[in-house]
Amino acid sequence: MTETPLSSGPGYVYWAEPPARDSDDVRARHEDNRHAWNEGATHYTSELEETIAFIRAGGSNLHPIERANLSDLRSWCQVAIHLQCASGRDTLSLWNEGVGRVVGVDISDVHIANARLLSAATAAPATWYRCDILDTPHELDGTADLVYTGRGALCWLHDLDGWAAVIYRLLKPGGILHILDGHPAAWLFDPDAETLVASGLKYFEHAEWNRGWPSNYIGDLDKSIEQHALKHERLWPLSTIYGALRGAGLVVERFGEYAEDYWDSFPNLRPEFRGRIPLTFAMLARRPASCAHRRAD
């Protein structure tokens, strides 16, 4: 790692690094991310009372894109597994949308502790697992009508083939995966600029380690950037995401790119520049009802 930062913004600084070399490197980066998210998740802890009130009132964070793609969850989804569930607000939003039972999986101890407090306070039928996504328990295999993920999830993973294999085994035959996440093309632009300024990042292989959190998200947590935990992110091209899902045996049935975002990722961008680039994408993929579609290992 070089000590000369590639770039910085309000509340964070990052350095380029090579993509993960092997499984040991993947695990090491995920473990660093666990420590960092234990730090960042304290921001969610501070909002827990508001989140409890939101869920109790029947609130839902489901994005209009997700709602359009998934239709009436009550009519078909008995069990949903949310990978990288954070503190459970989005997970219990699925319950409020009509899912019979929800399961959340996240690498952060603090996020899962928050989620357990949330479901206890709302009497939600939810089960939570604290583990690396790659280690999602096999007791869940074949139980999910829906595997749900996204909203800033994929960038924290450093093994997409392993991730896709987990999704395949969690789904029932005929079950659905839904992703709504940040569009990788958005990484090619400076998120703090007022116009569309090139970031200089490499679309096909960018990986980074960084410290701190954007000021319009988690913020400084009352300490300097140097005191923040180290974490690792990865830009995954759309073709790599698609290829991982297809390689695991899933069939992508729906794909879309959108100017709408799920958070204010370009907070300073002037109105006349909005809508010119995709900020999000969505994929809906299905585990075939027949195992004949499974790719041979």
Protein backbone atom coordinates (compact mmCIF):
# COMPACT_ATOMS: atom_id res chain seq x y z
CA MET A 1 0.00 0.00 0.00
CA THR A 2 1.25 3.46 -0.84
CA GLU A 3 0.89 6.30 1.64
CA THR A 4 0.21 8.80 -1.16
CA PRO A 5 -3.59 9.02 -1.44
CA LEU A 6 -5.22 8.67 -4.84
CA SER A 7 -7.87 11.20 -3.87
CA SER A 8 -9.96 12.50 -1.00
CA GLY A 9 -13.26 14.16 -0.26
CA PRO A 10 -15.15 15.61 2.71
CA GLY A 11 -14.53 13.10 5.49
CA TYR A 12 -12.64 10.38 3.62
CA VAL A 13 -9.41 9.58 1.78
CA TYR A 14 -8.55 6.61 -0.44
CA TRP A 15 -5.62 4.85 -2.08
CA ALA A 16 -5.57 2.49 -5.07
CA GLU A 17 -4.56 -1.13 -4.50
CA PRO A 18 -4.48 -4.25 -6.69
CA PRO A 19 -7.57 -6.48 -6.68
CA ALA A 20 -7.51 -9.33 -4.15
CA ARG A 21 -4.95 -11.94 -5.21
CA ASP A 22 -6.40 -15.09 -3.65
CA SER A 23 -8.87 -16.39 -1.08
CA ASP A 24 -6.63 -15.41 1.84
CA ASP A 25 -6.49 -11.84 0.54
CA VAL A 26 -10.27 -11.82 0.09
CA ARG A 27 -10.79 -12.96 3.67
CA ALA A 28 -8.31 -10.41 5.02
CA ARG A 29 -10.07 -7.56 3.22
CA HIS A 30 -13.47 -8.73 4.42
CA GLU A 31 -12.15 -8.86 7.98
CA ASP A 32 -10.84 -5.30 7.70
CA ASN A 33 -14.29 -4.31 6.44
CA ARG A 34 -15.89 -5.98 9.47
CA HIS A 35 -13.86 -3.76 11.80
CA ALA A 36 -14.65 -0.68 9.73
CA TRP A 37 -18.36 -1.41 9.65
CA ASN A 38 -18.39 -2.02 13.39
CA GLU A 39 -17.16 1.56 13.55
CA GLY A 40 -19.59 2.91 10.94
CA ALA A 41 -22.59 1.02 12.31
CA THR A 42 -22.52 3.12 15.48
CA HIS A 43 -24.13 5.81 13.32
CA TYR A 44 -27.05 3.41 12.79
CA THR A 45 -27.16 2.74 16.54
CA SER A 46 -27.74 6.44 17.12
CA GLU A 47 -30.78 6.26 14.80
CA LEU A 48 -32.22 3.04 16.25
CA GLU A 49 -35.13 4.62 18.13
CA GLU A 50 -36.25 6.41 14.97
CA THR A 51 -35.91 3.17 12.99
CA ILE A 52 -38.03 1.28 15.54
CA ALA A 53 -40.75 3.93 15.26
CA PHE A 54 -40.55 3.80 11.46
CA ILE A 55 -41.00 0.02 11.31
CA ARG A 56 -43.73 -0.01 13.97
CA ALA A 57 -45.64 2.53 11.87
CA GLY A 58 -45.52 0.20 8.86
CA GLY A 59 -42.80 2.15 7.09
CA SER A 60 -40.86 0.76 4.15
CA ASN A 61 -37.57 1.71 2.54
CA LEU A 62 -38.33 -0.29 -0.60
CA HIS A 63 -37.29 1.78 -3.60
CA PRO A 64 -39.87 2.33 -6.38
CA ILE A 65 -37.60 0.41 -8.76
CA GLU A 66 -37.56 -2.55 -6.38
CA ARG A 67 -41.32 -2.37 -5.86
CA ALA A 68 -41.93 -2.39 -9.60
CA ASN A 69 -39.63 -5.36 -10.17
CA LEU A 70 -40.85 -7.45 -7.23
CA SER A 71 -44.58 -6.61 -7.49
CA ASP A 72 -46.78 -7.76 -4.58
CA LEU A 73 -44.42 -9.58 -2.22
CA ARG A 74 -47.31 -10.74 -0.06
CA SER A 75 -48.60 -12.88 -2.91
CA TRP A 76 -45.46 -14.96 -3.47
CA CYS A 77 -42.67 -14.39 -0.93
CA GLN A 78 -42.82 -16.35 2.31
CA VAL A 79 -39.09 -16.20 3.12
CA ALA A 80 -36.62 -13.45 2.13
CA ILE A 81 -32.91 -13.54 2.93
CA HIS A 82 -31.22 -10.14 2.94
CA LEU A 83 -27.47 -10.32 2.33
CA GLN A 84 -25.47 -7.42 3.81
CA CYS A 85 -28.52 -6.39 5.79
CA ALA A 86 -26.85 -3.65 7.87
CA SER A 87 -28.96 -2.81 10.95
CA GLY A 88 -32.15 -4.30 9.56
CA ARG A 89 -34.24 -1.32 8.47
CA ASP A 90 -34.42 -2.46 4.83
CA THR A 91 -34.87 -6.09 5.94
CA LEU A 92 -37.91 -5.30 8.07
CA SER A 93 -39.20 -3.08 5.29
CA LEU A 94 -39.60 -6.32 3.33
CA TRP A 95 -41.68 -7.67 6.21
CA ASN A 96 -43.83 -4.55 6.17
CA GLU A 97 -44.27 -5.09 2.43
CA GLY A 98 -45.77 -8.52 3.09
CA VAL A 99 -42.92 -11.04 3.31
CA GLY A 100 -43.83 -13.75 5.82
CA ARG A 101 -40.41 -14.19 7.44
CA VAL A 102 -37.07 -12.43 6.95
CA VAL A 103 -33.46 -13.43 7.51
CA GLY A 104 -30.59 -10.95 7.66
CA VAL A 105 -26.89 -11.68 7.18
CA ASP A 106 -24.13 -9.14 7.78
CA ILE A 107 -20.44 -9.18 8.63
CA SER A 108 -20.70 -6.40 11.23
CA ASP A 109 -21.22 -7.35 14.88
CA VAL A 110 -22.69 -3.92 15.64
CA HIS A 111 -25.09 -4.01 12.70
CA ILE A 112 -26.43 -7.41 13.78
CA ALA A 113 -26.73 -6.30 17.40
CA ASN A 114 -28.78 -3.32 16.19
CA ALA A 115 -30.93 -5.57 13.99
CA ARG A 116 -31.70 -7.91 16.89
CA LEU A 117 -32.79 -4.96 19.03
CA LEU A 118 -34.95 -3.72 16.16
CA SER A 119 -36.76 -7.01 15.61
CA ALA A 120 -37.24 -7.53 19.35
CA ALA A 121 -38.80 -4.06 19.65
CA THR A 122 -41.13 -4.62 16.68
CA ALA A 123 -41.94 -8.32 17.23
CA ALA A 124 -40.84 -9.00 13.67
CA PRO A 125 -40.38 -12.63 12.50
CA ALA A 126 -36.69 -12.16 11.80
CA THR A 127 -33.50 -14.18 12.28
CA TRP A 128 -30.04 -12.61 12.10
CA TYR A 129 -26.63 -14.09 11.33
CA ARG A 130 -23.29 -12.37 11.95
CA CYS A 131 -20.82 -13.78 9.44
CA ASP A 132 -18.94 -13.14 6.25
CA ILE A 133 -21.44 -13.44 3.40
CA LEU A 134 -19.27 -16.22 1.96
CA ASP A 135 -19.93 -18.18 5.19
CA THR A 136 -23.72 -17.83 5.20
CA PRO A 137 -24.91 -20.94 7.09
CA HIS A 138 -25.82 -23.98 5.02
CA GLU A 139 -28.89 -24.49 7.19
CA LEU A 140 -30.44 -21.73 5.06
CA ASP A 141 -29.79 -23.53 1.76
CA GLY A 142 -32.86 -23.86 -0.41
CA THR A 143 -35.09 -21.81 1.91
CA ALA A 144 -35.40 -18.43 0.17
CA ASP A 145 -38.15 -17.34 -2.17
CA LEU A 146 -36.18 -14.09 -2.46
CA VAL A 147 -32.54 -13.18 -1.89
CA TYR A 148 -32.41 -9.42 -1.59
CA THR A 149 -29.29 -7.26 -1.67
CA GLY A 150 -27.79 -4.01 -2.90
CA ARG A 151 -27.77 -0.32 -1.98
CA GLY A 152 -24.03 -0.08 -1.59
CA ALA A 153 -23.41 -3.78 -0.99
CA LEU A 154 -21.34 -5.19 -3.84
CA CYS A 155 -18.44 -2.75 -3.49
CA TRP A 156 -17.52 -4.28 -0.11
CA LEU A 157 -17.15 -7.79 -1.53
CA HIS A 158 -13.93 -9.12 -3.04
CA ASP A 159 -15.09 -12.47 -4.43
CA LEU A 160 -18.16 -12.20 -6.68
CA ASP A 161 -18.03 -15.82 -7.82
CA GLY A 162 -18.19 -16.95 -4.22
CA TRP A 163 -21.02 -14.47 -3.54
CA ALA A 164 -23.05 -15.74 -6.51
CA ALA A 165 -22.57 -19.36 -5.42
CA VAL A 166 -24.00 -18.50 -1.99
CA ILE A 167 -27.04 -16.89 -3.60
CA TYR A 168 -27.67 -19.95 -5.76
CA ARG A 169 -27.62 -22.35 -2.81
CA LEU A 170 -29.85 -20.13 -0.65
CA LEU A 171 -32.63 -19.90 -3.23
CA LYS A 172 -35.40 -22.42 -3.61
CA PRO A 173 -35.72 -23.78 -7.16
CA GLY A 174 -37.58 -21.00 -8.95
CA GLY A 175 -36.53 -18.46 -6.30
CA ILE A 176 -35.51 -14.91 -7.19
CA LEU A 177 -32.49 -12.72 -6.55
CA HIS A 178 -32.99 -8.95 -6.68
CA ILE A 179 -30.17 -6.38 -6.70
CA LEU A 180 -30.50 -2.60 -6.75
CA ASP A 181 -27.07 -1.06 -6.38
CA GLY A 182 -24.87 1.81 -7.43
CA HIS A 183 -23.98 1.80 -11.11
CA PRO A 184 -20.26 1.09 -11.59
CA ALA A 185 -20.04 3.81 -14.27
CA ALA A 186 -20.70 6.39 -11.55
CA TRP A 187 -17.26 5.57 -10.11
CA LEU A 188 -15.75 7.20 -13.20
CA PHE A 189 -16.88 10.64 -12.02
CA ASP A 190 -15.82 12.75 -9.04
CA PRO A 191 -18.66 12.44 -6.49
CA ASP A 192 -17.86 15.80 -4.90
CA ALA A 193 -17.77 17.91 -8.08
CA GLU A 194 -20.47 20.30 -9.25
CA THR A 195 -20.16 19.07 -12.85
CA LEU A 196 -19.34 15.69 -14.39
CA VAL A 197 -15.59 15.57 -13.81
CA ALA A 198 -13.64 12.39 -14.61
CA SER A 199 -12.32 10.61 -11.52
CA GLY A 200 -9.54 8.80 -13.40
CA LEU A 201 -10.46 5.42 -11.91
CA LYS A 202 -10.03 2.24 -13.95
CA TYR A 203 -13.44 0.76 -14.73
CA PHE A 204 -12.27 -2.81 -15.23
CA GLU A 205 -9.94 -3.28 -12.27
CA HIS A 206 -10.25 -0.50 -9.69
CA ALA A 207 -9.82 -1.55 -6.07
CA GLU A 208 -9.02 0.73 -3.16
CA TRP A 209 -8.40 0.94 0.54
CA ASN A 210 -9.73 3.95 2.36
CA ARG A 211 -10.41 5.61 5.67
CA GLY A 212 -13.29 7.78 6.81
CA TRP A 213 -16.90 8.13 5.68
CA PRO A 214 -18.54 10.72 3.41
CA SER A 215 -19.84 13.70 5.33
CA ASN A 216 -23.31 13.28 3.80
CA TYR A 217 -23.52 9.68 5.06
CA ILE A 218 -21.87 8.53 8.30
CA GLY A 219 -19.49 11.44 8.77
CA ASP A 220 -16.42 11.76 10.97
CA LEU A 221 -17.74 9.97 14.09
CA ASP A 222 -16.01 12.67 16.16
CA LYS A 223 -12.48 11.60 15.25
CA SER A 224 -9.86 12.34 12.63
CA ILE A 225 -9.62 10.41 9.37
CA GLU A 226 -6.32 8.88 10.54
CA GLN A 227 -8.16 7.30 13.50
CA HIS A 228 -10.75 5.60 11.29
CA ALA A 229 -10.50 1.89 10.55
CA LEU A 230 -9.02 0.74 7.25
CA LYS A 231 -11.50 -0.71 4.73
CA HIS A 232 -11.46 -2.02 1.16
CA GLU A 233 -13.79 -1.44 -1.80
CA ARG A 234 -13.96 -2.80 -5.32
CA LEU A 235 -15.52 -1.52 -8.54
CA TRP A 236 -17.30 -4.46 -10.20
CA PRO A 237 -18.15 -3.97 -13.90
CA LEU A 238 -21.66 -4.92 -14.91
CA SER A 239 -20.30 -7.72 -17.11
CA THR A 240 -18.51 -9.23 -14.10
CA ILE A 241 -21.67 -9.14 -11.98
CA TYR A 242 -23.69 -10.71 -14.78
CA GLY A 243 -21.00 -13.31 -15.43
CA ALA A 244 -20.80 -14.31 -11.77
CA LEU A 245 -24.56 -14.85 -11.56
CA ARG A 246 -24.69 -16.78 -14.82
CA GLY A 247 -21.65 -18.85 -13.86
CA ALA A 248 -23.38 -19.85 -10.60
CA GLY A 249 -26.35 -21.17 -12.56
CA LEU A 250 -28.76 -18.25 -12.21
CA VAL A 251 -30.76 -16.87 -15.13
CA VAL A 252 -30.90 -13.07 -15.35
CA GLU A 253 -34.44 -12.20 -16.37
CA ARG A 254 -34.47 -8.44 -15.93
CA PHE A 255 -31.83 -5.73 -16.11
CA GLY A 256 -32.21 -1.97 -15.95
CA GLU A 257 -30.07 1.17 -15.62
CA TYR A 258 -31.46 4.28 -13.96
CA ALA A 259 -30.70 7.93 -13.36
CA GLU A 260 -32.42 7.64 -9.96
CA ASP A 261 -30.29 6.97 -6.91
CA TYR A 262 -31.04 5.45 -3.50
CA TRP A 263 -28.94 8.10 -1.72
CA ASP A 264 -27.37 11.43 -2.59
CA SER A 265 -24.16 10.05 -4.09
CA PHE A 266 -23.37 13.29 -5.97
CA PRO A 267 -24.42 15.87 -3.37
CA ASN A 268 -22.91 18.87 -5.15
CA LEU A 269 -23.88 18.06 -8.74
CA ARG A 270 -25.74 20.92 -10.37
CA PRO A 271 -29.31 20.22 -11.59
CA GLU A 272 -28.47 20.57 -15.27
CA PHE A 273 -26.00 17.66 -15.02
CA ARG A 274 -28.36 15.27 -13.25
CA GLY A 275 -29.88 12.54 -15.36
CA ARG A 276 -26.93 12.39 -17.77
CA ILE A 277 -25.29 9.28 -16.32
CA PRO A 278 -26.68 6.10 -14.74
CA LEU A 279 -26.48 6.13 -10.94
CA THR A 280 -28.09 2.76 -10.25
CA PHE A 281 -28.75 -0.57 -11.89
CA ALA A 282 -31.09 -3.43 -11.07
CA MET A 283 -30.92 -7.12 -11.86
CA LEU A 284 -33.52 -9.80 -11.23
CA ALA A 285 -32.25 -13.35 -11.58
CA ARG A 286 -33.87 -16.71 -10.96
CA ARG A 287 -32.62 -20.10 -9.85
CA PRO A 288 -34.10 -22.44 -12.46
CA ALA A 289 -36.72 -24.88 -11.26
CA SER A 290 -34.61 -27.64 -12.86
CA CYS A 291 -31.08 -28.30 -11.63
CA ALA A 292 -30.14 -29.14 -15.22
CA HIS A 293 -29.33 -25.45 -15.67
CA ARG A 294 -26.63 -25.57 -13.00
CA ARG A 295 -23.19 -25.07 -14.53
CA ALA A 296 -20.93 -28.07 -14.15
CA ASP A 297 -17.97 -27.46 -11.83
